[in-house]
Protein backbone atom coordinates (compact mmCIF):
# COMPACT_ATOMS: atom_id res chain seq x y z
CA MET A 1 4.74 -35.25 21.85
CA GLU A 2 4.82 -32.07 23.90
CA VAL A 3 1.95 -29.61 23.69
CA GLY A 4 2.76 -26.82 21.25
CA THR A 5 5.11 -28.84 19.05
CA ALA A 6 2.48 -29.83 16.47
CA VAL A 7 3.29 -28.69 12.96
CA ASN A 8 0.71 -26.30 11.48
CA ARG A 9 -0.36 -28.26 8.37
CA ALA A 10 -2.83 -25.58 7.23
CA GLU A 11 -0.07 -22.95 7.19
CA LEU A 12 2.22 -25.37 5.35
CA ARG A 13 -0.39 -25.67 2.59
CA ARG A 14 -0.69 -21.88 2.42
CA TYR A 15 3.10 -21.55 2.26
CA LEU A 16 3.28 -24.05 -0.58
CA GLU A 17 0.57 -22.10 -2.43
CA ARG A 18 2.51 -18.83 -1.99
CA VAL A 19 5.69 -20.42 -3.32
CA SER A 20 3.83 -22.16 -6.17
CA ASP A 21 2.42 -18.80 -7.25
CA ARG A 22 6.01 -17.82 -8.11
CA TRP A 23 7.60 -21.07 -9.36
CA PRO A 24 6.31 -24.45 -10.51
CA ILE A 25 7.29 -26.63 -7.56
CA GLU A 26 8.19 -30.19 -8.54
CA ALA A 27 9.14 -31.43 -5.06
CA ALA A 28 8.91 -29.94 -1.57
CA TYR A 29 10.07 -31.40 1.73
CA LEU A 30 9.91 -30.25 5.33
CA GLY A 31 12.41 -31.55 7.86
CA GLY A 32 13.97 -30.29 11.05
CA ALA A 33 13.54 -30.65 14.77
CA ARG A 34 9.77 -30.11 14.82
CA ILE A 35 9.23 -32.98 12.40
CA ALA A 36 11.56 -35.17 14.45
CA ASP A 37 9.54 -34.19 17.55
CA GLU A 38 6.33 -35.32 15.87
CA ARG A 39 7.94 -38.64 15.04
CA GLY A 40 8.98 -39.30 18.64
CA ALA A 41 12.61 -38.21 18.72
CA PRO A 42 13.97 -37.97 22.28
CA ALA A 43 14.03 -34.53 23.90
CA GLN A 44 17.68 -34.90 24.92
CA ARG A 45 19.35 -34.38 21.55
CA GLU A 46 20.95 -31.67 19.49
CA ARG A 47 17.93 -30.05 17.86
CA GLY A 48 19.38 -28.23 14.90
CA GLN A 49 17.03 -26.06 12.85
CA GLU A 50 13.39 -26.17 13.89
CA PHE A 51 12.30 -26.31 10.23
CA VAL A 52 14.23 -27.15 7.07
CA VAL A 53 12.40 -26.53 3.78
CA VAL A 54 13.69 -28.02 0.55
CA LEU A 55 12.02 -26.78 -2.64
CA VAL A 56 12.76 -28.16 -6.10
CA SER A 57 11.85 -26.32 -9.30
CA ASP A 58 13.43 -26.00 -12.69
CA GLY A 59 11.84 -22.55 -12.61
CA TYR A 60 14.87 -21.55 -10.52
CA HIS A 61 17.15 -22.08 -13.53
CA GLY A 62 19.08 -18.87 -14.20
CA LEU A 63 17.94 -17.26 -10.94
CA PRO A 64 20.75 -16.63 -8.44
CA TRP A 65 20.59 -19.01 -5.47
CA LEU A 66 20.50 -16.24 -2.88
CA GLU A 67 17.58 -14.55 -4.64
CA ARG A 68 15.57 -17.79 -4.71
CA VAL A 69 16.24 -18.43 -1.04
CA HIS A 70 15.46 -14.83 -0.06
CA VAL A 71 12.10 -14.83 -1.85
CA ALA A 72 11.06 -18.32 -0.71
CA GLY A 73 12.22 -17.56 2.83
CA SER A 74 10.28 -14.29 2.93
CA LEU A 75 7.10 -16.25 2.14
CA TRP A 76 7.53 -18.44 5.26
CA ASP A 77 5.37 -17.22 8.15
CA GLY A 78 7.50 -17.82 11.23
CA LEU A 79 4.77 -16.50 13.55
CA GLU A 80 2.21 -18.99 12.24
CA MET A 81 4.72 -21.84 12.24
CA GLY A 82 6.29 -20.97 15.59
CA ALA A 83 9.85 -20.72 14.24
CA SER A 84 11.87 -19.62 11.25
CA ALA A 85 12.94 -22.02 8.51
CA ASP A 86 16.21 -22.85 6.84
CA VAL A 87 15.06 -22.71 3.19
CA HIS A 88 16.85 -24.50 0.34
CA CYS A 89 15.83 -23.89 -3.29
CA TYR A 90 17.27 -26.07 -6.05
CA THR A 91 16.74 -27.04 -9.65
CA LYS A 92 16.31 -30.79 -10.20
CA ALA A 93 19.98 -31.19 -11.15
CA GLU A 94 21.16 -29.18 -8.13
CA PHE A 95 18.81 -31.15 -5.88
CA ALA A 96 20.30 -34.48 -6.98
CA ARG A 97 23.79 -33.22 -6.09
CA LYS A 98 22.71 -31.68 -2.76
CA CYS A 99 20.96 -34.90 -1.66
CA ALA A 100 24.26 -36.66 -2.12
CA THR A 101 26.43 -34.03 -0.42
CA MET A 102 24.32 -32.21 2.20
CA PRO A 103 23.09 -34.23 5.20
CA VAL A 104 20.46 -31.60 6.13
CA VAL A 105 18.86 -31.87 2.68
CA ARG A 106 19.08 -35.66 2.62
CA ASP A 107 17.53 -35.87 6.09
CA ALA A 108 14.60 -33.62 5.09
CA VAL A 109 13.94 -35.86 2.08
CA TRP A 110 14.38 -39.21 3.85
CA HIS A 111 12.81 -38.38 7.23
CA GLY A 112 10.72 -35.27 6.63
CA LEU A 113 7.31 -34.55 5.20
CA ASP A 114 6.69 -34.66 1.48
CA LEU A 115 4.71 -31.43 1.23
CA LEU A 116 3.26 -32.18 -2.20
CA ALA A 117 1.91 -35.53 -0.97
CA ASP A 118 0.62 -33.87 2.24
CA ALA A 119 -1.10 -31.14 0.18
CA GLY A 120 -3.31 -33.82 -1.37
CA GLU A 121 -4.65 -35.05 1.99
């Protein structure tokens, strides 16, 4: 892994706390190029987004999707993390559909970090 590509786990925990202050988070995943870097992906590839955040909460029910994403995205500290994030916010039902239809969401879940599991470390 190159120097400077490490993912700031302490800031991830703080981010999850900021989001959890607003909604009860039932699942949270972090994917993207930085996670792939940590896991040894080759440098010569299409990188895509540096960070992809997928948040799942039934607390989003009734809240417009753009509002959820705007608020959750505004809580991400791009300076601390070294890049911005592509933030996805879904209810459990929406999440099930998006995992089936959106490769970026599916990849974050299958190959990314489970932030709730990481928060317990």
